[in-house]
Amino acid sequence: MTETNLFISKATQRNWDKLKNDGDDRLQRRANKSRSQKIITPEGYVMAASLPRFVEDLKAENHPINDLIFSLCAMYVEHNKVSEANRKRFFEEYTHYQRIELSVPRQILKNRQDDWIGFVYQSLTAEGQRILKGLYYTKPMIVNEMLSDIRVLNGERFLDPCCGSGIFLLKVEHANLEQLYGIDNDPLAVMIAKANLMVKFGESSVYPQIYQMDFMRHAASALGDVKFDYIVTNPPWGTEKGHLHTSDIISSKEKASLFFTESFKFLNKNGIQHFLLPSSLMKIKVHADLRRFVTHETRMESLKCYRERFKGVFTDFISLKVSNKPVFGSQNYLVYGANNEVSRKEFMPLEDDFCAIPMLNDRDEAIIGKAERLRHDDLSHSRWALGIITGNNAKVLKDRPQKGMEPIFTGKDIGKYSLKAPSRYIKFNRADFQQCAKEEFYRAKEKLVYKFVSGKLCFTYDDRQRLFLNSANILIPEVDGMSTKTVLAFLNSSLFNFLYTKRFNDLKILKGNLCTLPFPKITAEQDQKLSVLVDRALKGDTLAIDEIDALIYALYNIDSEEIALIMK
């Protein structure tokens, strides 16, 4: 196996073989980010306005990253109050790095509010290395939210098992240094965390308890019987490559799930564990292993859904807080409150496959209940396909049509009942593409297409056998008693958007989520009427869209007050 092949999956290698490409010109691309040299500056991580300019100056100097980070840590320790014993121990520990003479502005060296060295480290590390090291550090605003109700009392211990440069440890209030523990497998991040804590706790004689190790492999032997009252972190995300970490609980090998279940072993009775996790863990079937663990082994305290994303990361995320308190029978419950926060409530039992659902109040539940009671069919037996993945858009797509080419559309081209004029063209040859559905999907007599990356449902109709890229997905619906255009009417309706967004807090429109939407039984006359209205909407008649909404509300017996709530 070549050096290149060591860094790619078998599926990726198959795609490259199919394209007769060794991959050298593809390693910088989105699908193979672990080799990307792109630099991504973390946004919202520090407050000091002078730091980005300082980072640009460091980039120009091109120092070895190991020696540079050590030198910054050394200067930070030297220019702030740190106990002599700790300062001496720090320099004895890191004699293997070379000190570089640097010009660092005094206001930066005296900045004890920001993890500014962590910011520098992230800003100077290429995207591929950040992915391999898990260098997607958490914004202080989110850290503060996750720590807002934590008070580390005398005798209690706090652990961050994936501490990075120590942002969670820095933000814990009312804790002494001897109560804080951190673990990370990145030696530079560990060094930064130690420097940060030494400066924060000034004259403390306790040396920071930050350990460089692989938590999943060595924590049990290293920590022994030590238990913690609080375990809070943002763990690595993504599937664990290879078989280094085995678990009887997590069959998916998802890193965040593995860290969650392993960390729980170190939680004291009545202790609190709070993790930042990709929202997919609460929704997708393969991650039912974690949901079963949360449901049966923990007491869920809260779950908050975030709409933002880490820069350079596609998925949105949640924070899940559980406790190690007794669970009697089926006593894990959810209630949906303000600010997309989900907390415990009786009378709403969780199943193994519970989902992360944003806030619901009594009126929301009443509307959803009406729709569910009239459920007759759904999209679970419809046909689905992804748009084309060319493998090299810059090479394959053209701005102007050429001989043998045809228009191809993206998710951004799709509006409700509309499709923008073509701006890209392609020669369709399935064998040339990295991934491509069967041609019968693109050439179907009629089909629905929808935006994949979107907070709301956005579908349109195609009966001209047009092509779409993978930012658009294809649906050929099979719903009892409904034409394709009538299904489109429901999917684009205000009611279905309400039902979808209340149930799923995601930046992507997922097939599994769409399959939960409840379609009612309708008459042939109602189907015909909706189809005619869709024809008008496809021609740009906005009044027809209002008429579609009104008819669908009537089918579900949604009254005027409930309509006002939906449209709010």
Protein backbone atom coordinates (compact mmCIF):
# COMPACT_ATOMS: atom_id res chain seq x y z
CA MET A 1 0.00 0.00 0.00
CA THR A 2 1.38 3.42 -0.93
CA GLU A 3 1.81 6.26 1.55
CA THR A 4 -1.20 8.01 -0.01
CA ASN A 5 -3.40 4.94 0.39
CA LEU A 6 -2.69 4.79 4.12
CA PHE A 7 -4.81 7.88 4.62
CA ILE A 8 -7.93 7.00 2.63
CA SER A 9 -10.83 4.64 3.11
CA LYS A 10 -11.41 1.53 1.00
CA ALA A 11 -14.51 3.19 -0.48
CA THR A 12 -12.47 6.22 -1.52
CA GLN A 13 -9.81 3.99 -3.04
CA ARG A 14 -12.48 2.13 -5.04
CA ASN A 15 -13.81 5.44 -6.35
CA TRP A 16 -10.31 6.54 -7.37
CA ASP A 17 -9.68 3.22 -9.09
CA LYS A 18 -12.98 3.66 -10.92
CA LEU A 19 -11.84 7.10 -12.06
CA LYS A 20 -8.34 5.76 -12.92
CA ASN A 21 -6.81 8.38 -10.67
CA ASP A 22 -4.02 7.95 -8.11
CA GLY A 23 -5.55 10.64 -5.95
CA ASP A 24 -2.61 13.04 -5.87
CA ASP A 25 -4.69 15.92 -7.23
CA ARG A 26 -7.64 15.07 -4.98
CA LEU A 27 -6.14 15.03 -1.53
CA GLN A 28 -6.83 18.71 -1.05
CA ARG A 29 -10.50 18.25 -1.82
CA ARG A 30 -13.41 18.16 0.60
CA ALA A 31 -13.91 14.40 0.43
CA ASN A 32 -10.31 13.78 1.52
CA LYS A 33 -9.74 16.51 4.06
CA SER A 34 -7.29 14.57 6.20
CA ARG A 35 -4.56 15.58 3.70
CA SER A 36 -5.78 19.13 3.18
CA GLN A 37 -3.24 21.93 3.65
CA LYS A 38 -5.93 24.59 3.98
CA ILE A 39 -5.59 26.88 7.01
CA ILE A 40 -8.83 27.66 8.88
CA THR A 41 -8.75 30.44 11.47
CA PRO A 42 -11.08 29.65 14.39
CA GLU A 43 -13.86 32.22 14.69
CA GLY A 44 -15.23 33.40 18.03
CA TYR A 45 -12.48 31.66 20.01
CA VAL A 46 -10.69 34.74 21.35
CA MET A 47 -11.74 38.29 22.11
CA ALA A 48 -8.42 40.08 21.61
CA ALA A 49 -8.47 41.92 18.29
CA SER A 50 -4.66 41.94 18.06
CA LEU A 51 -4.29 38.16 17.84
CA PRO A 52 -5.22 37.56 14.16
CA ARG A 53 -2.58 40.07 13.06
CA PHE A 54 -0.04 38.47 15.37
CA VAL A 55 -0.81 35.08 13.81
CA GLU A 56 -0.26 36.49 10.32
CA ASP A 57 3.17 37.73 11.39
CA LEU A 58 4.03 34.27 12.76
CA LYS A 59 2.94 32.63 9.51
CA ALA A 60 5.37 34.82 7.60
CA GLU A 61 8.24 33.81 9.93
CA ASN A 62 7.57 30.10 9.28
CA HIS A 63 9.00 28.70 12.53
CA PRO A 64 8.82 24.96 13.35
CA ILE A 65 5.45 24.56 15.05
CA ASN A 66 6.75 22.53 18.03
CA ASP A 67 9.43 25.04 18.94
CA LEU A 68 7.12 27.98 18.28
CA ILE A 69 4.39 26.74 20.64
CA PHE A 70 6.94 25.90 23.33
CA SER A 71 8.47 29.35 23.04
CA LEU A 72 5.07 31.04 23.37
CA CYS A 73 4.24 28.91 26.42
CA ALA A 74 7.63 29.71 27.96
CA MET A 75 7.18 33.44 27.49
CA TYR A 76 3.62 33.27 28.84
CA VAL A 77 4.81 31.51 32.01
CA GLU A 78 7.75 33.90 32.45
CA HIS A 79 5.73 37.10 32.02
CA ASN A 80 3.01 36.22 34.54
CA LYS A 81 2.95 35.24 38.20
CA VAL A 82 3.71 31.53 38.42
CA SER A 83 5.18 29.71 41.41
CA GLU A 84 8.90 29.15 41.11
CA ALA A 85 8.49 25.39 41.66
CA ASN A 86 5.99 25.06 38.83
CA ARG A 87 8.02 27.25 36.49
CA LYS A 88 11.10 25.11 37.13
CA ARG A 89 9.21 21.85 36.64
CA PHE A 90 7.68 23.10 33.39
CA PHE A 91 11.05 23.93 31.85
CA GLU A 92 12.56 20.66 33.04
CA GLU A 93 9.71 18.76 31.40
CA TYR A 94 10.14 20.43 28.01
CA THR A 95 13.91 20.51 27.51
CA HIS A 96 13.53 18.70 24.16
CA TYR A 97 12.15 21.82 22.44
CA GLN A 98 14.27 24.65 21.01
CA ARG A 99 13.62 28.16 22.34
CA ILE A 100 12.97 30.76 19.62
CA GLU A 101 13.41 34.48 20.14
CA LEU A 102 10.02 36.02 19.42
CA SER A 103 8.56 39.50 19.55
CA VAL A 104 5.22 39.13 21.32
CA PRO A 105 3.21 42.26 22.22
CA ARG A 106 2.89 42.75 25.96
CA GLN A 107 -0.92 42.94 25.81
CA ILE A 108 -0.94 39.42 24.38
CA LEU A 109 1.49 37.99 26.93
CA LYS A 110 -0.60 39.51 29.73
CA ASN A 111 -3.88 38.24 28.26
CA ARG A 112 -5.22 35.82 30.88
CA GLN A 113 -8.80 35.79 29.54
CA ASP A 114 -8.22 34.00 26.25
CA ASP A 115 -6.64 30.69 25.33
CA TRP A 116 -4.55 32.72 22.93
CA ILE A 117 -1.77 30.14 22.46
CA GLY A 118 -4.45 27.58 21.59
CA PHE A 119 -5.76 30.07 19.03
CA VAL A 120 -2.27 30.40 17.51
CA TYR A 121 -1.87 26.62 17.42
CA GLN A 122 -5.17 26.12 15.62
CA SER A 123 -4.48 28.97 13.21
CA LEU A 124 -1.11 27.55 12.17
CA THR A 125 -2.23 23.93 11.76
CA ALA A 126 -3.39 22.74 8.34
CA GLU A 127 -6.95 21.44 8.05
CA GLY A 128 -5.81 17.85 7.48
CA GLN A 129 -3.75 17.81 10.65
CA ARG A 130 -6.57 19.46 12.60
CA ILE A 131 -8.87 16.62 11.55
CA LEU A 132 -6.33 13.95 12.52
CA LYS A 133 -5.64 15.64 15.87
CA GLY A 134 -9.22 16.68 16.58
CA LEU A 135 -8.22 20.36 16.70
CA TYR A 136 -11.73 21.83 16.60
CA TYR A 137 -11.73 23.63 19.90
CA THR A 138 -14.92 24.85 21.52
CA LYS A 139 -15.97 28.49 21.55
CA PRO A 140 -15.80 30.04 25.04
CA MET A 141 -19.49 31.03 24.79
CA ILE A 142 -20.49 27.36 24.46
CA VAL A 143 -18.02 26.34 27.16
CA ASN A 144 -19.54 28.88 29.53
CA GLU A 145 -23.06 27.59 28.79
CA MET A 146 -22.04 24.01 29.49
CA LEU A 147 -20.34 24.99 32.75
CA SER A 148 -22.95 27.52 33.89
CA ASP A 149 -24.45 25.36 36.65
CA ILE A 150 -21.25 23.64 37.78
CA ARG A 151 -19.79 24.52 41.17
CA VAL A 152 -16.79 22.36 42.11
CA LEU A 153 -17.01 22.11 45.89
CA ASN A 154 -14.28 21.09 48.31
CA GLY A 155 -13.19 17.53 47.72
CA GLU A 156 -14.85 17.27 44.27
CA ARG A 157 -12.96 16.56 41.06
CA PHE A 158 -13.47 17.80 37.49
CA LEU A 159 -12.16 15.92 34.41
CA ASP A 160 -11.88 16.89 30.76
CA PRO A 161 -10.85 13.65 29.00
CA CYS A 162 -10.18 15.45 25.69
CA CYS A 163 -8.92 18.72 27.10
CA GLY A 164 -6.98 20.14 24.15
CA SER A 165 -5.38 23.38 25.32
CA GLY A 166 -7.61 23.43 28.39
CA ILE A 167 -10.51 25.77 27.57
CA PHE A 168 -13.03 23.87 29.76
CA LEU A 169 -10.56 23.67 32.64
CA LEU A 170 -9.83 27.39 32.36
CA LYS A 171 -13.49 28.34 32.54
CA VAL A 172 -14.50 26.22 35.56
CA GLU A 173 -15.44 28.55 38.41
CA HIS A 174 -14.87 28.08 42.13
CA ALA A 175 -12.31 25.31 41.63
CA ASN A 176 -8.76 24.96 42.90
CA LEU A 177 -6.03 23.64 40.64
CA GLU A 178 -5.78 20.36 42.54
CA GLN A 179 -9.44 19.62 41.66
CA LEU A 180 -8.89 19.85 37.90
CA TYR A 181 -7.73 16.99 35.65
CA GLY A 182 -7.19 16.91 31.90
CA ILE A 183 -6.17 14.27 29.37
CA ASP A 184 -5.23 14.63 25.70
CA ASN A 185 -3.07 12.69 23.24
CA ASP A 186 -1.63 15.82 21.57
CA PRO A 187 1.65 16.81 23.29
CA LEU A 188 1.50 20.44 22.17
CA ALA A 189 -2.09 20.84 23.36
CA VAL A 190 -1.12 19.33 26.73
CA MET A 191 1.78 21.76 27.03
CA ILE A 192 -0.49 24.73 26.26
CA ALA A 193 -3.05 23.53 28.82
CA LYS A 194 -0.39 23.33 31.51
CA ALA A 195 0.86 26.85 30.72
CA ASN A 196 -2.70 28.20 30.73
CA LEU A 197 -3.50 26.69 34.13
CA MET A 198 -0.22 27.75 35.70
CA VAL A 199 -0.87 31.34 34.67
CA LYS A 200 -4.52 31.27 35.77
CA PHE A 201 -3.72 29.88 39.23
CA GLY A 202 -0.62 32.02 39.66
CA GLU A 203 1.17 31.14 42.89
CA SER A 204 -0.46 27.70 43.33
CA SER A 205 2.14 25.10 44.25
CA VAL A 206 0.14 22.35 42.54
CA TYR A 207 1.48 21.34 39.13
CA PRO A 208 -1.31 21.05 36.54
CA GLN A 209 -2.71 17.52 36.40
CA ILE A 210 -2.77 17.35 32.60
CA TYR A 211 -1.69 14.03 31.12
CA GLN A 212 -0.63 13.16 27.61
CA MET A 213 -2.21 9.80 26.77
CA ASP A 214 -4.82 8.09 24.65
CA PHE A 215 -7.80 8.23 27.01
CA MET A 216 -9.57 5.26 25.45
CA ARG A 217 -6.52 3.00 25.73
CA HIS A 218 -4.76 4.10 28.90
CA ALA A 219 -7.14 6.03 31.17
CA ALA A 220 -8.24 2.95 33.10
CA SER A 221 -4.67 2.00 34.08
CA ALA A 222 -3.56 5.61 34.60
CA LEU A 223 -6.52 6.82 36.69
CA GLY A 224 -7.13 3.60 38.55
CA ASP A 225 -9.91 4.03 41.11
CA VAL A 226 -10.06 7.83 40.84
CA LYS A 227 -13.63 9.02 40.20
CA PHE A 228 -14.90 12.42 39.15
CA ASP A 229 -17.91 14.51 40.12
CA TYR A 230 -17.93 16.34 36.79
CA ILE A 231 -16.76 15.13 33.39
CA VAL A 232 -17.21 17.76 30.68
CA THR A 233 -15.69 17.85 27.19
CA ASN A 234 -15.98 18.22 23.45
CA PRO A 235 -14.65 14.82 22.28
CA PRO A 236 -13.33 13.89 18.83
CA TRP A 237 -16.06 13.16 16.28
CA GLY A 238 -16.12 10.61 13.49
CA THR A 239 -15.69 6.89 13.01
CA GLU A 240 -12.73 5.30 14.75
CA LYS A 241 -10.35 3.97 12.08
CA GLY A 242 -8.83 0.58 12.67
CA HIS A 243 -9.56 -1.54 15.72
CA LEU A 244 -7.52 0.10 18.46
CA HIS A 245 -10.58 0.94 20.55
CA THR A 246 -13.02 -1.89 21.11
CA SER A 247 -16.27 -1.64 22.99
CA ASP A 248 -19.06 -4.06 23.81
CA ILE A 249 -21.42 -1.08 23.96
CA ILE A 250 -20.55 1.00 20.89
CA SER A 251 -20.57 -1.16 17.77
CA SER A 252 -20.55 1.88 15.44
CA LYS A 253 -16.96 2.78 16.50
CA GLU A 254 -18.01 6.44 16.56
CA LYS A 255 -15.32 8.29 18.53
CA ALA A 256 -17.63 10.60 20.44
CA SER A 257 -19.83 7.65 21.49
CA LEU A 258 -16.78 5.69 22.61
CA PHE A 259 -15.51 8.62 24.69
CA PHE A 260 -18.96 9.15 26.20
CA THR A 261 -19.41 5.57 27.41
CA GLU A 262 -15.80 5.17 28.56
CA SER A 263 -15.89 8.45 30.49
CA PHE A 264 -19.06 7.41 32.30
CA LYS A 265 -17.06 4.63 34.00
CA PHE A 266 -15.12 7.32 35.86
CA LEU A 267 -18.16 9.26 37.06
CA ASN A 268 -18.95 9.31 40.75
CA LYS A 269 -22.38 8.32 42.01
CA ASN A 270 -24.64 11.36 41.48
CA GLY A 271 -21.93 12.88 39.27
CA ILE A 272 -22.63 14.96 36.13
CA GLN A 273 -21.32 14.24 32.61
CA HIS A 274 -21.82 16.89 29.92
CA PHE A 275 -20.61 16.32 26.34
CA LEU A 276 -20.75 18.31 23.11
CA LEU A 277 -21.78 15.85 20.38
CA PRO A 278 -22.73 15.79 16.69
CA SER A 279 -26.53 15.83 16.43
CA SER A 280 -26.40 12.76 14.17
CA LEU A 281 -25.83 10.62 17.27
CA MET A 282 -29.36 11.38 18.35
CA LYS A 283 -30.98 10.59 15.01
CA ILE A 284 -29.23 8.12 12.76
CA LYS A 285 -29.93 4.39 13.10
CA VAL A 286 -26.30 3.29 13.33
CA HIS A 287 -25.91 5.36 16.51
CA ALA A 288 -28.75 3.65 18.37
CA ASP A 289 -26.00 2.04 20.48
CA LEU A 290 -25.27 5.36 22.23
CA ARG A 291 -28.96 6.17 22.60
CA ARG A 292 -29.58 2.82 24.27
CA PHE A 293 -26.74 3.50 26.68
CA VAL A 294 -28.05 6.96 27.54
CA THR A 295 -31.57 5.65 27.99
CA HIS A 296 -30.77 2.63 30.15
CA GLU A 297 -27.54 3.49 31.96
CA THR A 298 -27.82 7.21 32.71
CA ARG A 299 -30.32 9.72 33.94
CA MET A 300 -30.74 12.37 31.27
CA GLU A 301 -30.66 15.90 32.65
CA SER A 302 -30.74 18.11 29.56
CA LEU A 303 -30.08 18.22 25.85
CA LYS A 304 -29.51 21.48 23.97
CA CYS A 305 -29.61 21.74 20.19
CA TYR A 306 -27.26 24.23 18.52
CA ARG A 307 -27.93 25.59 15.04
CA GLU A 308 -24.36 26.70 14.38
CA ARG A 309 -21.41 24.65 13.17
CA PHE A 310 -17.69 24.58 13.78
CA LYS A 311 -15.86 26.29 10.96
CA GLY A 312 -14.74 23.62 8.51
CA VAL A 313 -17.14 21.03 9.95
CA PHE A 314 -20.36 20.13 8.15
CA THR A 315 -22.57 18.84 10.94
CA ASP A 316 -24.46 20.74 13.62
CA PHE A 317 -24.23 19.69 17.25
CA ILE A 318 -25.88 19.27 20.64
CA SER A 319 -24.81 19.29 24.26
CA LEU A 320 -25.99 16.26 26.22
CA LYS A 321 -25.92 16.30 30.02
CA VAL A 322 -26.54 13.13 32.02
CA SER A 323 -26.05 12.12 35.64
CA ASN A 324 -25.02 8.94 37.40
CA LYS A 325 -28.15 8.88 39.53
CA PRO A 326 -30.49 5.95 40.09
CA VAL A 327 -32.90 5.25 37.23
CA PHE A 328 -36.03 3.34 38.23
CA GLY A 329 -37.71 1.58 35.32
CA SER A 330 -38.52 3.84 32.38
CA GLN A 331 -37.84 7.16 34.03
CA ASN A 332 -35.83 8.93 31.35
CA TYR A 333 -38.04 11.63 29.86
CA LEU A 334 -37.74 14.74 27.73
CA VAL A 335 -39.44 18.10 27.83
CA TYR A 336 -38.80 20.75 25.21
CA GLY A 337 -38.32 24.22 26.60
CA ALA A 338 -37.04 27.63 25.60
CA ASN A 339 -33.87 28.16 23.54
CA ASN A 340 -34.07 24.70 21.98
CA GLU A 341 -33.28 23.20 25.39
CA VAL A 342 -34.47 19.70 26.18
CA SER A 343 -34.69 18.63 29.83
CA ARG A 344 -36.30 15.96 31.97
CA LYS A 345 -40.04 15.56 32.38
CA GLU A 346 -42.27 12.76 33.53
CA PHE A 347 -44.95 11.11 31.36
CA MET A 348 -42.91 11.20 28.15
CA PRO A 349 -40.82 8.00 28.09
CA LEU A 350 -37.79 7.70 25.81
CA GLU A 351 -37.39 4.80 23.42
CA ASP A 352 -34.03 3.37 22.38
CA ASP A 353 -34.20 5.42 19.20
CA PHE A 354 -35.14 8.75 20.75
CA CYS A 355 -34.18 11.80 18.69
CA ALA A 356 -32.89 15.25 19.45
CA ILE A 357 -36.01 17.34 18.99
CA PRO A 358 -36.24 21.09 19.48
CA MET A 359 -38.70 22.82 21.75
CA LEU A 360 -42.36 21.84 21.91
CA ASN A 361 -45.05 23.47 23.98
CA ASP A 362 -48.61 22.27 24.59
CA ARG A 363 -49.95 24.02 21.49
CA ASP A 364 -47.17 22.54 19.34
CA GLU A 365 -47.99 19.09 20.67
CA ALA A 366 -51.70 19.61 19.93
CA ILE A 367 -50.98 20.42 16.28
CA ILE A 368 -48.58 17.50 15.89
CA GLY A 369 -51.17 15.26 17.53
CA LYS A 370 -53.83 16.25 15.01
CA ALA A 371 -51.51 15.46 12.12
CA GLU A 372 -50.48 12.12 13.60
CA ARG A 373 -54.05 11.01 14.21
CA LEU A 374 -54.77 11.40 10.49
CA ARG A 375 -51.63 9.52 9.40
CA HIS A 376 -52.51 7.15 6.54
CA ASP A 377 -49.19 6.74 4.74
CA ASP A 378 -45.62 8.04 4.62
CA LEU A 379 -42.58 8.16 2.34
CA SER A 380 -40.87 5.06 3.72
CA HIS A 381 -41.62 2.97 0.61
CA SER A 382 -40.79 5.71 -1.90
CA ARG A 383 -37.66 5.71 -4.04
CA TRP A 384 -34.70 7.96 -3.25
CA ALA A 385 -31.43 8.89 -4.92
CA LEU A 386 -28.52 11.24 -4.40
CA GLY A 387 -27.32 13.79 -6.89
CA ILE A 388 -24.14 13.19 -8.86
CA ILE A 389 -20.73 13.36 -7.19
CA THR A 390 -18.35 14.12 -10.04
CA GLY A 391 -15.16 13.77 -8.02
CA ASN A 392 -13.77 16.90 -9.67
CA ASN A 393 -16.32 19.67 -10.28
CA ALA A 394 -13.72 22.14 -11.47
CA LYS A 395 -12.71 19.80 -14.26
CA VAL A 396 -16.06 18.27 -15.21
CA LEU A 397 -18.49 21.20 -14.96
CA LYS A 398 -18.52 23.98 -17.53
CA ASP A 399 -20.02 27.48 -17.36
CA ARG A 400 -21.14 27.31 -20.99
CA PRO A 401 -22.75 24.43 -22.89
CA GLN A 402 -20.51 22.48 -25.19
CA LYS A 403 -21.25 19.69 -27.65
CA GLY A 404 -22.78 16.69 -25.93
CA MET A 405 -23.40 18.58 -22.69
CA GLU A 406 -26.62 19.27 -20.78
CA PRO A 407 -27.58 21.48 -17.82
CA ILE A 408 -26.95 20.27 -14.27
CA PHE A 409 -28.40 21.91 -11.15
CA THR A 410 -27.33 22.27 -7.51
CA GLY A 411 -29.25 22.56 -4.25
CA LYS A 412 -28.86 26.34 -4.39
CA ASP A 413 -30.79 26.36 -7.67
CA ILE A 414 -33.86 24.84 -6.01
CA GLY A 415 -36.65 27.01 -4.66
CA LYS A 416 -40.14 26.07 -3.54
CA TYR A 417 -41.89 25.19 -6.79
CA SER A 418 -39.03 26.74 -8.79
CA LEU A 419 -35.67 26.02 -10.38
CA LYS A 420 -33.18 28.68 -11.40
CA ALA A 421 -31.93 28.91 -14.96
CA PRO A 422 -28.95 26.60 -15.57
CA SER A 423 -25.47 28.01 -14.94
CA ARG A 424 -23.46 24.78 -15.21
CA TYR A 425 -23.23 22.07 -17.84
CA ILE A 426 -21.95 18.52 -17.90
CA LYS A 427 -21.47 15.57 -20.20
CA PHE A 428 -23.35 12.68 -18.64
CA ASN A 429 -21.31 9.49 -18.49
CA ARG A 430 -21.85 7.48 -15.32
CA ALA A 431 -18.49 5.74 -15.60
CA ASP A 432 -16.69 9.09 -15.33
CA PHE A 433 -18.23 10.07 -11.98
CA GLN A 434 -17.11 9.23 -8.47
CA GLN A 435 -20.68 8.39 -7.42
CA CYS A 436 -23.85 8.42 -9.46
CA ALA A 437 -27.34 7.00 -9.04
CA LYS A 438 -28.89 4.83 -11.71
CA GLU A 439 -29.79 6.87 -14.75
CA GLU A 440 -33.45 5.90 -14.33
CA PHE A 441 -33.69 8.25 -11.34
CA TYR A 442 -32.47 11.29 -13.26
CA ARG A 443 -34.50 10.36 -16.34
CA ALA A 444 -37.70 9.52 -14.46
CA LYS A 445 -40.90 10.68 -16.13
CA GLU A 446 -41.48 12.87 -13.09
CA LYS A 447 -39.59 13.33 -9.84
CA LEU A 448 -39.20 15.68 -6.89
CA VAL A 449 -35.87 17.26 -6.00
CA TYR A 450 -34.97 19.05 -2.80
CA LYS A 451 -32.21 20.99 -1.12
CA PHE A 452 -30.09 18.72 1.04
CA VAL A 453 -28.45 21.45 3.14
CA SER A 454 -31.33 23.49 4.46
CA GLY A 455 -33.10 24.28 7.71
CA LYS A 456 -36.49 24.01 6.00
CA LEU A 457 -38.16 21.81 3.42
CA CYS A 458 -37.65 23.14 -0.10
CA PHE A 459 -38.88 20.93 -2.96
CA THR A 460 -39.60 21.39 -6.62
CA TYR A 461 -40.87 19.26 -9.51
CA ASP A 462 -39.05 17.97 -12.57
CA ASP A 463 -40.56 16.23 -15.58
CA ARG A 464 -37.76 17.12 -17.99
CA GLN A 465 -35.28 14.42 -16.86
CA ARG A 466 -32.77 16.97 -15.63
CA LEU A 467 -29.49 16.24 -13.79
CA PHE A 468 -28.59 17.35 -10.27
CA LEU A 469 -25.40 17.47 -8.20
CA ASN A 470 -25.18 15.93 -4.74
CA SER A 471 -26.28 19.11 -2.94
CA ALA A 472 -29.73 18.11 -4.23
CA ASN A 473 -31.50 14.83 -3.55
CA ILE A 474 -34.14 13.03 -5.60
CA LEU A 475 -37.46 11.62 -4.43
CA ILE A 476 -39.85 9.55 -6.52
CA PRO A 477 -42.79 9.37 -4.10
CA GLU A 478 -45.17 6.50 -3.63
CA VAL A 479 -47.94 7.66 -1.28
CA ASP A 480 -51.31 5.98 -1.36
CA GLY A 481 -53.89 8.00 -3.29
CA MET A 482 -51.55 10.87 -4.14
CA SER A 483 -49.95 12.01 -7.36
CA THR A 484 -46.34 13.23 -7.39
CA LYS A 485 -47.54 16.84 -7.55
CA THR A 486 -49.85 16.37 -4.58
CA VAL A 487 -46.99 14.95 -2.51
CA LEU A 488 -45.03 18.06 -3.50
CA ALA A 489 -47.88 20.22 -2.20
CA PHE A 490 -47.68 18.57 1.21
CA LEU A 491 -43.88 18.70 1.43
CA ASN A 492 -43.77 22.41 0.58
CA SER A 493 -46.72 23.30 2.81
CA SER A 494 -46.37 25.49 5.88
CA LEU A 495 -47.82 22.68 7.98
CA PHE A 496 -45.22 20.10 6.92
CA ASN A 497 -42.41 22.61 7.44
CA PHE A 498 -43.78 23.19 10.94
CA LEU A 499 -43.97 19.45 11.64
CA TYR A 500 -40.46 18.88 10.31
CA THR A 501 -38.66 21.75 12.04
CA LYS A 502 -40.37 21.05 15.35
CA ARG A 503 -39.21 17.45 15.27
CA PHE A 504 -35.76 17.78 13.74
CA ASN A 505 -33.17 20.38 14.57
CA ASP A 506 -30.75 19.86 11.71
CA LEU A 507 -29.00 21.72 8.92
CA LYS A 508 -29.60 18.82 6.53
CA ILE A 509 -32.82 17.35 5.19
CA LEU A 510 -32.46 13.64 5.91
CA LYS A 511 -34.37 10.82 4.27
CA GLY A 512 -35.06 9.16 7.61
CA ASN A 513 -36.62 12.34 8.96
CA LEU A 514 -38.77 12.88 5.87
CA CYS A 515 -40.10 9.34 6.19
CA THR A 516 -41.70 10.24 9.53
CA LEU A 517 -44.03 12.88 8.06
CA PRO A 518 -47.72 11.85 8.22
CA PHE A 519 -49.69 11.90 4.96
CA PRO A 520 -53.51 11.68 5.31
CA LYS A 521 -56.00 9.70 3.25
CA ILE A 522 -57.52 11.98 0.57
CA THR A 523 -60.13 11.61 -2.12
CA ALA A 524 -59.48 11.57 -5.86
CA GLU A 525 -61.14 15.00 -6.08
CA GLN A 526 -58.81 16.44 -3.42
CA ASP A 527 -55.80 14.94 -5.16
CA GLN A 528 -56.88 16.52 -8.45
CA LYS A 529 -57.47 19.90 -6.84
CA LEU A 530 -54.04 19.94 -5.19
CA SER A 531 -52.35 18.87 -8.43
CA VAL A 532 -53.99 21.75 -10.31
CA LEU A 533 -52.86 24.19 -7.62
CA VAL A 534 -49.30 22.85 -7.87
CA ASP A 535 -49.37 23.46 -11.64
CA ARG A 536 -50.21 27.09 -10.91
CA ALA A 537 -47.50 27.34 -8.24
CA LEU A 538 -44.91 25.93 -10.65
CA LYS A 539 -45.80 28.77 -13.03
CA GLY A 540 -45.08 31.34 -10.29
CA ASP A 541 -48.62 31.91 -8.98
CA THR A 542 -48.03 32.77 -5.29
CA LEU A 543 -51.77 32.83 -4.57
CA ALA A 544 -51.84 29.13 -5.44
CA ILE A 545 -49.30 28.48 -2.67
CA ASP A 546 -51.63 30.13 -0.15
CA GLU A 547 -54.53 28.07 -1.44
CA ILE A 548 -52.49 24.88 -1.08
CA ASP A 549 -51.72 25.76 2.55
CA ALA A 550 -55.37 26.48 3.28
CA LEU A 551 -56.52 23.19 1.78
CA ILE A 552 -53.93 21.17 3.68
CA TYR A 553 -54.80 22.90 6.96
CA ALA A 554 -58.43 21.96 6.36
CA LEU A 555 -57.51 18.33 5.69
CA TYR A 556 -55.91 18.13 9.16
CA ASN A 557 -58.61 20.21 10.89
CA ILE A 558 -56.10 22.91 11.85
CA ASP A 559 -58.03 25.96 13.11
CA SER A 560 -57.22 29.66 12.67
CA GLU A 561 -55.47 30.04 16.03
CA GLU A 562 -53.25 27.08 15.26
CA ILE A 563 -52.50 28.45 11.79
CA ALA A 564 -51.44 31.74 13.39
CA LEU A 565 -49.07 29.80 15.67
CA ILE A 566 -47.59 27.90 12.73
CA MET A 567 -47.07 31.06 10.69
CA LYS A 568 -45.60 32.98 13.65
